[in-house]
Amino acid sequence: MLRPSEDVDVYLYSDPVDMRKSINGLSIIVEQSMMLPTNSGALFVFCNRGRDKIKILCWERNGFIVWYKRLE
């Protein structure tokens, strides 16, 4: 289970996102729409239209990580 430390910033993108997007597509949203640096160590959370799937994008030392979860 993902348990970030208390000092990690978490940003929720409020618009629905196509869950077919991967690292490149999500990082473009962060940089262009949210105007935030992707390599800051923050967690960027994206939801689909039905709000039953989420993706979390994070930069960790030497590359990106994407977590995907389907909510029941």
C-alpha atoms as a PDB file:
ATOM      1  CA  MET A   1       0.000   0.000   0.000  1.00  0.00           C
ATOM      2  CA  LEU A   2       1.208   3.486  -0.850  1.00  0.00           C
ATOM      3  CA  ARG A   3       1.858   5.580   2.257  1.00  0.00           C
ATOM      4  CA  PRO A   4       3.612   8.836   1.412  1.00  0.00           C
ATOM      5  CA  SER A   5       5.278  10.811   4.158  1.00  0.00           C
ATOM      6  CA  GLU A   6       3.443  13.759   5.663  1.00  0.00           C
ATOM      7  CA  ASP A   7       5.617  16.336   3.890  1.00  0.00           C
ATOM      8  CA  VAL A   8       4.767  15.116   0.360  1.00  0.00           C
ATOM      9  CA  ASP A   9       2.533  17.445  -1.653  1.00  0.00           C
ATOM     10  CA  VAL A  10      -0.507  15.831  -3.292  1.00  0.00           C
ATOM     11  CA  TYR A  11      -2.265  17.502  -6.224  1.00  0.00           C
ATOM     12  CA  LEU A  12      -5.658  16.333  -7.505  1.00  0.00           C
ATOM     13  CA  TYR A  13      -6.460  17.145 -11.131  1.00  0.00           C
ATOM     14  CA  SER A  14     -10.178  17.916 -11.005  1.00  0.00           C
ATOM     15  CA  ASP A  15     -11.099  17.267 -14.657  1.00  0.00           C
ATOM     16  CA  PRO A  16     -11.732  13.678 -15.828  1.00  0.00           C
ATOM     17  CA  VAL A  17      -8.765  12.049 -17.567  1.00  0.00           C
ATOM     18  CA  ASP A  18      -8.692   9.337 -20.205  1.00  0.00           C
ATOM     19  CA  MET A  19      -7.244   6.340 -18.335  1.00  0.00           C
ATOM     20  CA  ARG A  20      -5.431   5.222 -21.496  1.00  0.00           C
ATOM     21  CA  LYS A  21      -2.911   7.990 -20.808  1.00  0.00           C
ATOM     22  CA  SER A  22       0.403   6.808 -19.453  1.00  0.00           C
ATOM     23  CA  ILE A  23       3.460   8.614 -18.092  1.00  0.00           C
ATOM     24  CA  ASN A  24       3.959  10.927 -21.073  1.00  0.00           C
ATOM     25  CA  GLY A  25       0.315  11.996 -21.307  1.00  0.00           C
ATOM     26  CA  LEU A  26      -0.068  12.541 -17.568  1.00  0.00           C
ATOM     27  CA  SER A  27       3.191  14.488 -17.286  1.00  0.00           C
ATOM     28  CA  ILE A  28       2.052  16.811 -20.093  1.00  0.00           C
ATOM     29  CA  ILE A  29      -1.130  17.545 -18.115  1.00  0.00           C
ATOM     30  CA  VAL A  30       0.940  18.337 -15.017  1.00  0.00           C
ATOM     31  CA  GLU A  31       3.334  20.644 -16.864  1.00  0.00           C
ATOM     32  CA  GLN A  32       0.898  22.408 -19.214  1.00  0.00           C
ATOM     33  CA  SER A  33      -2.483  22.425 -17.458  1.00  0.00           C
ATOM     34  CA  MET A  34      -1.414  22.437 -13.816  1.00  0.00           C
ATOM     35  CA  MET A  35       1.791  24.422 -14.504  1.00  0.00           C
ATOM     36  CA  LEU A  36       3.786  22.380 -11.978  1.00  0.00           C
ATOM     37  CA  PRO A  37       7.158  20.626 -12.303  1.00  0.00           C
ATOM     38  CA  THR A  38       6.799  16.870 -12.674  1.00  0.00           C
ATOM     39  CA  ASN A  39      10.091  16.091 -10.972  1.00  0.00           C
ATOM     40  CA  SER A  40       9.262  17.780  -7.653  1.00  0.00           C
ATOM     41  CA  GLY A  41       8.525  14.527  -5.795  1.00  0.00           C
ATOM     42  CA  ALA A  42       4.855  15.465  -5.408  1.00  0.00           C
ATOM     43  CA  LEU A  43       2.029  13.026  -6.106  1.00  0.00           C
ATOM     44  CA  PHE A  44      -0.327  13.925  -8.953  1.00  0.00           C
ATOM     45  CA  VAL A  45      -3.716  12.187  -8.791  1.00  0.00           C
ATOM     46  CA  PHE A  46      -6.001  11.742 -11.814  1.00  0.00           C
ATOM     47  CA  CYS A  47      -9.522  10.270 -11.984  1.00  0.00           C
ATOM     48  CA  ASN A  48     -11.697   9.053 -14.834  1.00  0.00           C
ATOM     49  CA  ARG A  49     -15.167  10.416 -15.589  1.00  0.00           C
ATOM     50  CA  GLY A  50     -16.921   7.779 -13.451  1.00  0.00           C
ATOM     51  CA  ARG A  51     -14.532   8.439 -10.522  1.00  0.00           C
ATOM     52  CA  ASP A  52     -13.993   4.698 -10.138  1.00  0.00           C
ATOM     53  CA  LYS A  53     -10.410   4.595 -11.445  1.00  0.00           C
ATOM     54  CA  ILE A  54      -7.401   6.623 -10.345  1.00  0.00           C
ATOM     55  CA  LYS A  55      -3.833   7.027 -11.518  1.00  0.00           C
ATOM     56  CA  ILE A  56      -1.077   8.579  -9.440  1.00  0.00           C
ATOM     57  CA  LEU A  57       2.044   9.985 -11.103  1.00  0.00           C
ATOM     58  CA  CYS A  58       5.230  10.510  -9.120  1.00  0.00           C
ATOM     59  CA  TRP A  59       8.909  11.184  -9.833  1.00  0.00           C
ATOM     60  CA  GLU A  60      11.278   9.074  -7.745  1.00  0.00           C
ATOM     61  CA  ARG A  61      15.057   9.693  -7.921  1.00  0.00           C
ATOM     62  CA  ASN A  62      15.684   8.390 -11.437  1.00  0.00           C
ATOM     63  CA  GLY A  63      12.309   7.996 -13.133  1.00  0.00           C
ATOM     64  CA  PHE A  64       8.537   8.159 -13.064  1.00  0.00           C
ATOM     65  CA  ILE A  65       6.164   5.811 -11.276  1.00  0.00           C
ATOM     66  CA  VAL A  66       2.482   5.404 -12.175  1.00  0.00           C
ATOM     67  CA  TRP A  67       0.087   3.662  -9.808  1.00  0.00           C
ATOM     68  CA  TYR A  68      -3.292   2.601 -11.165  1.00  0.00           C
ATOM     69  CA  LYS A  69      -6.241   1.521  -9.057  1.00  0.00           C
ATOM     70  CA  ARG A  70      -9.818   0.527  -9.841  1.00  0.00           C
ATOM     71  CA  LEU A  71     -12.110   1.463  -6.949  1.00  0.00           C
ATOM     72  CA  GLU A  72     -14.890  -0.944  -6.022  1.00  0.00           C
END
